[in-house]
Amino acid sequence: MQRLRITLKQQPELATALTNIISTPNPAQLEPTLTYKLSSLGLIKLLGNKASPSCELYRLYFQNFEGIAQSNSD
């Protein structure tokens, strides 16, 4: 998960998209490129054209990881 955290810090657009996904209880639609990248990382699963976290562990970890979209200072 450390590798995923680093990737999200290096690519803030992915962090923002993941934040949108984990902050809602229902699957959400994303821009296709972001969907592809997050899916390739294993962070989301696709339900038709909508996405949700691939597992509850990721939802909890990144929900509690304050500011993944804002923090680039580690």
C-alpha atoms as a PDB file:
ATOM      1  CA  MET A   1       0.000   0.000   0.000  1.00  0.00           C
ATOM      2  CA  GLN A   2       3.011   2.248   0.438  1.00  0.00           C
ATOM      3  CA  ARG A   3       3.658   1.996  -3.313  1.00  0.00           C
ATOM      4  CA  LEU A   4       0.058   2.997  -4.024  1.00  0.00           C
ATOM      5  CA  ARG A   5       0.314   5.942  -1.657  1.00  0.00           C
ATOM      6  CA  ILE A   6       3.455   7.162  -3.422  1.00  0.00           C
ATOM      7  CA  THR A   7       1.807   6.774  -6.826  1.00  0.00           C
ATOM      8  CA  LEU A   8      -1.189   8.808  -5.680  1.00  0.00           C
ATOM      9  CA  LYS A   9       1.051  11.556  -4.331  1.00  0.00           C
ATOM     10  CA  GLN A  10       2.930  11.699  -7.635  1.00  0.00           C
ATOM     11  CA  GLN A  11      -0.279  11.801  -9.672  1.00  0.00           C
ATOM     12  CA  PRO A  12      -2.707  14.125  -7.871  1.00  0.00           C
ATOM     13  CA  GLU A  13      -5.412  13.654 -10.514  1.00  0.00           C
ATOM     14  CA  LEU A  14      -5.575   9.978  -9.526  1.00  0.00           C
ATOM     15  CA  ALA A  15      -5.699  10.893  -5.844  1.00  0.00           C
ATOM     16  CA  THR A  16      -8.595  13.258  -6.481  1.00  0.00           C
ATOM     17  CA  ALA A  17     -10.482  10.625  -8.461  1.00  0.00           C
ATOM     18  CA  LEU A  18      -9.915   8.004  -5.764  1.00  0.00           C
ATOM     19  CA  THR A  19     -11.075  10.458  -3.105  1.00  0.00           C
ATOM     20  CA  ASN A  20     -14.296  10.905  -5.063  1.00  0.00           C
ATOM     21  CA  ILE A  21     -14.789   7.139  -5.244  1.00  0.00           C
ATOM     22  CA  ILE A  22     -14.124   6.405  -1.571  1.00  0.00           C
ATOM     23  CA  SER A  23     -16.177   9.332  -0.283  1.00  0.00           C
ATOM     24  CA  THR A  24     -19.451   8.003  -1.669  1.00  0.00           C
ATOM     25  CA  PRO A  25     -21.215   4.782  -0.707  1.00  0.00           C
ATOM     26  CA  ASN A  26     -22.462   4.265  -4.264  1.00  0.00           C
ATOM     27  CA  PRO A  27     -20.414   3.501  -7.386  1.00  0.00           C
ATOM     28  CA  ALA A  28     -19.457   6.672  -9.255  1.00  0.00           C
ATOM     29  CA  GLN A  29     -18.558   7.461 -12.832  1.00  0.00           C
ATOM     30  CA  LEU A  30     -15.079   8.753 -13.635  1.00  0.00           C
ATOM     31  CA  GLU A  31     -13.302  10.047 -16.704  1.00  0.00           C
ATOM     32  CA  PRO A  32     -12.220   6.988 -18.764  1.00  0.00           C
ATOM     33  CA  THR A  33      -8.460   7.587 -18.483  1.00  0.00           C
ATOM     34  CA  LEU A  34      -8.642   7.898 -14.700  1.00  0.00           C
ATOM     35  CA  THR A  35     -10.858   4.830 -14.524  1.00  0.00           C
ATOM     36  CA  TYR A  36      -8.325   2.830 -16.531  1.00  0.00           C
ATOM     37  CA  LYS A  37      -5.368   3.951 -14.399  1.00  0.00           C
ATOM     38  CA  LEU A  38      -7.058   3.323 -11.049  1.00  0.00           C
ATOM     39  CA  SER A  39      -8.337  -0.038 -12.257  1.00  0.00           C
ATOM     40  CA  SER A  40      -4.849  -0.982 -13.480  1.00  0.00           C
ATOM     41  CA  LEU A  41      -3.482  -0.183 -10.028  1.00  0.00           C
ATOM     42  CA  GLY A  42      -6.132  -2.458  -8.524  1.00  0.00           C
ATOM     43  CA  LEU A  43      -7.686   0.366  -6.504  1.00  0.00           C
ATOM     44  CA  ILE A  44     -11.142   0.215  -8.052  1.00  0.00           C
ATOM     45  CA  LYS A  45     -13.494  -2.328  -9.522  1.00  0.00           C
ATOM     46  CA  LEU A  46     -15.853  -1.537 -12.346  1.00  0.00           C
ATOM     47  CA  LEU A  47     -19.588  -2.037 -12.216  1.00  0.00           C
ATOM     48  CA  GLY A  48     -20.678  -1.230 -15.756  1.00  0.00           C
ATOM     49  CA  ASN A  49     -19.412   2.293 -16.384  1.00  0.00           C
ATOM     50  CA  LYS A  50     -19.177   3.130 -12.673  1.00  0.00           C
ATOM     51  CA  ALA A  51     -16.430   2.439 -10.178  1.00  0.00           C
ATOM     52  CA  SER A  52     -16.159   1.566  -6.516  1.00  0.00           C
ATOM     53  CA  PRO A  53     -13.176   0.707  -4.291  1.00  0.00           C
ATOM     54  CA  SER A  54     -11.888  -2.767  -5.073  1.00  0.00           C
ATOM     55  CA  CYS A  55     -11.992  -3.673  -1.375  1.00  0.00           C
ATOM     56  CA  GLU A  56     -13.067  -2.199   1.935  1.00  0.00           C
ATOM     57  CA  LEU A  57      -9.454  -2.148   3.118  1.00  0.00           C
ATOM     58  CA  TYR A  58      -8.569   0.418   0.432  1.00  0.00           C
ATOM     59  CA  ARG A  59     -11.616   2.507   1.309  1.00  0.00           C
ATOM     60  CA  LEU A  60     -10.633   2.561   4.989  1.00  0.00           C
ATOM     61  CA  TYR A  61      -6.911   3.088   4.400  1.00  0.00           C
ATOM     62  CA  PHE A  62      -7.263   5.950   1.969  1.00  0.00           C
ATOM     63  CA  GLN A  63     -10.208   7.485   3.826  1.00  0.00           C
ATOM     64  CA  ASN A  64      -8.012   7.703   6.920  1.00  0.00           C
ATOM     65  CA  PHE A  65      -5.018   8.889   4.929  1.00  0.00           C
ATOM     66  CA  GLU A  66      -5.807  12.575   5.230  1.00  0.00           C
ATOM     67  CA  GLY A  67      -5.363  14.720   2.182  1.00  0.00           C
ATOM     68  CA  ILE A  68      -4.160  12.212  -0.416  1.00  0.00           C
ATOM     69  CA  ALA A  69      -5.282  14.693  -3.035  1.00  0.00           C
ATOM     70  CA  GLN A  70      -3.817  17.743  -1.297  1.00  0.00           C
ATOM     71  CA  SER A  71      -0.619  16.489   0.352  1.00  0.00           C
ATOM     72  CA  ASN A  72       2.484  16.260  -1.781  1.00  0.00           C
ATOM     73  CA  SER A  73       5.036  16.908   0.958  1.00  0.00           C
ATOM     74  CA  ASP A  74       6.141  13.478   2.240  1.00  0.00           C
END
